[in-house]
Amino acid sequence: MESISAVTALSALAHEGRLDVFRRLVKAGEPGLAAGEIARATGVLPNTLSSNLNILTAAGLIISRRDGRSIIYRAAYDRMRDLLAFLVADCCGGEPQVCAPLAAIASQACAAEGRSC
């Protein structure tokens, strides 16, 4: 990932409402959530939610698909992994213990969801 792509993604996440939507979609997994479900869960007005979804989509962090009359959104996991890899690529500076807690956090999150990572 190039710096400009990382900045775009981080800028999209640098808003409480968009971060909340993104985290909900990450938690929802591959099936994703309909826009209406997201709106009900967040209590965000439809026009604000639409704007937030457009910004996250433009940053490549979420993907949408039509399912009948609904639009289903899901996290773009490849892009999320690329962003996380970009952020930690140079973090260790020869000291792997600096980044080791990140692996433990990921494992704990997966275990809490009943999945293996």
Protein backbone atom coordinates (compact mmCIF):
# COMPACT_ATOMS: atom_id res chain seq x y z
CA MET A 1 0.00 0.00 0.00
CA GLU A 2 1.26 3.45 -0.84
CA SER A 3 1.19 6.33 1.62
CA ILE A 4 -1.56 8.21 -0.23
CA SER A 5 -3.85 5.14 -0.10
CA ALA A 6 -3.17 4.75 3.60
CA VAL A 7 -3.94 8.41 4.21
CA THR A 8 -7.21 8.10 2.30
CA ALA A 9 -8.25 5.05 4.33
CA LEU A 10 -7.20 6.57 7.64
CA SER A 11 -9.01 9.81 6.79
CA ALA A 12 -12.18 7.86 6.11
CA LEU A 13 -11.88 6.18 9.51
CA ALA A 14 -11.05 9.43 11.32
CA HIS A 15 -14.72 10.10 12.06
CA GLU A 16 -16.64 8.54 14.93
CA GLY A 17 -19.67 7.61 12.82
CA ARG A 18 -17.69 6.09 9.96
CA LEU A 19 -15.45 4.20 12.37
CA ASP A 20 -18.55 2.79 14.07
CA VAL A 21 -20.01 1.68 10.73
CA PHE A 22 -16.72 0.11 9.65
CA ARG A 23 -16.29 -1.79 12.91
CA ARG A 24 -19.88 -3.10 12.70
CA LEU A 25 -19.23 -4.32 9.17
CA VAL A 26 -15.97 -5.98 10.21
CA LYS A 27 -17.83 -7.75 13.00
CA ALA A 28 -20.69 -8.76 10.67
CA GLY A 29 -18.29 -10.75 8.51
CA GLU A 30 -18.70 -11.78 4.89
CA PRO A 31 -22.52 -11.66 4.86
CA GLY A 32 -22.40 -7.94 5.67
CA LEU A 33 -25.33 -5.78 6.68
CA ALA A 34 -28.11 -4.03 4.80
CA ALA A 35 -28.01 -0.24 4.89
CA GLY A 36 -31.26 -0.24 6.87
CA GLU A 37 -29.76 -2.52 9.52
CA ILE A 38 -26.75 -0.25 9.81
CA ALA A 39 -29.00 2.79 10.18
CA ARG A 40 -31.06 1.15 12.93
CA ALA A 41 -27.96 -0.08 14.78
CA THR A 42 -26.22 3.28 14.69
CA GLY A 43 -29.22 5.59 14.93
CA VAL A 44 -27.75 7.70 12.13
CA LEU A 45 -30.02 9.63 9.76
CA PRO A 46 -30.25 8.08 6.28
CA ASN A 47 -28.56 10.97 4.46
CA THR A 48 -25.67 11.02 6.95
CA LEU A 49 -25.31 7.25 6.73
CA SER A 50 -25.32 7.42 2.95
CA SER A 51 -22.53 9.99 3.03
CA ASN A 52 -20.51 7.91 5.47
CA LEU A 53 -20.97 4.76 3.37
CA ASN A 54 -19.89 6.64 0.24
CA ILE A 55 -16.71 7.89 1.93
CA LEU A 56 -15.84 4.40 3.21
CA THR A 57 -16.54 2.95 -0.24
CA ALA A 58 -14.38 5.58 -1.97
CA ALA A 59 -11.55 4.74 0.43
CA GLY A 60 -11.90 1.08 -0.56
CA LEU A 61 -12.73 -0.01 2.99
CA ILE A 62 -16.21 -1.36 2.26
CA ILE A 63 -17.89 -3.10 -0.66
CA SER A 64 -21.57 -3.07 -1.57
CA ARG A 65 -23.86 -5.37 -3.51
CA ARG A 66 -27.52 -5.24 -4.35
CA ASP A 67 -29.81 -7.89 -2.92
CA GLY A 68 -33.31 -7.26 -4.22
CA ARG A 69 -34.31 -3.84 -2.96
CA SER A 70 -31.53 -3.72 -0.35
CA ILE A 71 -27.92 -2.74 -0.62
CA ILE A 72 -25.69 -4.97 1.46
CA TYR A 73 -22.38 -3.59 2.70
CA ARG A 74 -19.41 -5.56 3.96
CA ALA A 75 -15.89 -4.74 5.01
CA ALA A 76 -13.20 -5.02 2.35
CA TYR A 77 -10.97 -7.33 4.36
CA ASP A 78 -8.11 -7.33 1.85
CA ARG A 79 -7.91 -3.54 2.02
CA MET A 80 -8.15 -3.62 5.83
CA ARG A 81 -5.29 -6.13 5.99
CA ASP A 82 -3.23 -4.00 3.61
CA LEU A 83 -3.78 -0.94 5.80
CA LEU A 84 -2.88 -2.81 8.98
CA ALA A 85 0.22 -4.26 7.32
CA PHE A 86 1.23 -0.78 6.16
CA LEU A 87 0.86 0.58 9.69
CA VAL A 88 2.98 -2.12 11.33
CA ALA A 89 5.45 -2.84 8.52
CA ASP A 90 8.29 -0.95 10.18
CA CYS A 91 7.14 -1.02 13.79
CA CYS A 92 9.52 -3.55 15.25
CA GLY A 93 12.85 -1.92 14.46
CA GLY A 94 14.58 -5.23 15.13
CA GLU A 95 12.54 -5.81 18.29
CA PRO A 96 9.73 -8.28 17.49
CA GLN A 97 8.30 -8.04 21.00
CA VAL A 98 7.10 -4.52 20.14
CA CYS A 99 4.50 -5.89 17.69
CA ALA A 100 3.88 -9.26 19.35
CA PRO A 101 0.85 -7.99 21.30
CA LEU A 102 -0.94 -7.30 18.00
CA ALA A 103 -0.99 -11.01 17.17
CA ALA A 104 -2.36 -11.79 20.63
CA ILE A 105 -5.09 -9.16 20.24
CA ALA A 106 -6.12 -10.62 16.88
CA SER A 107 -6.21 -14.14 18.31
CA GLN A 108 -8.31 -13.02 21.27
CA ALA A 109 -10.78 -11.25 18.98
CA CYS A 110 -11.16 -14.36 16.85
CA ALA A 111 -11.57 -16.58 19.90
CA ALA A 112 -14.26 -14.26 21.29
CA GLU A 113 -16.17 -14.75 18.05
CA GLY A 114 -15.66 -18.51 18.19
CA ARG A 115 -13.35 -18.54 15.16
CA SER A 116 -9.75 -19.45 14.61
CA CYS A 117 -7.50 -17.01 12.80
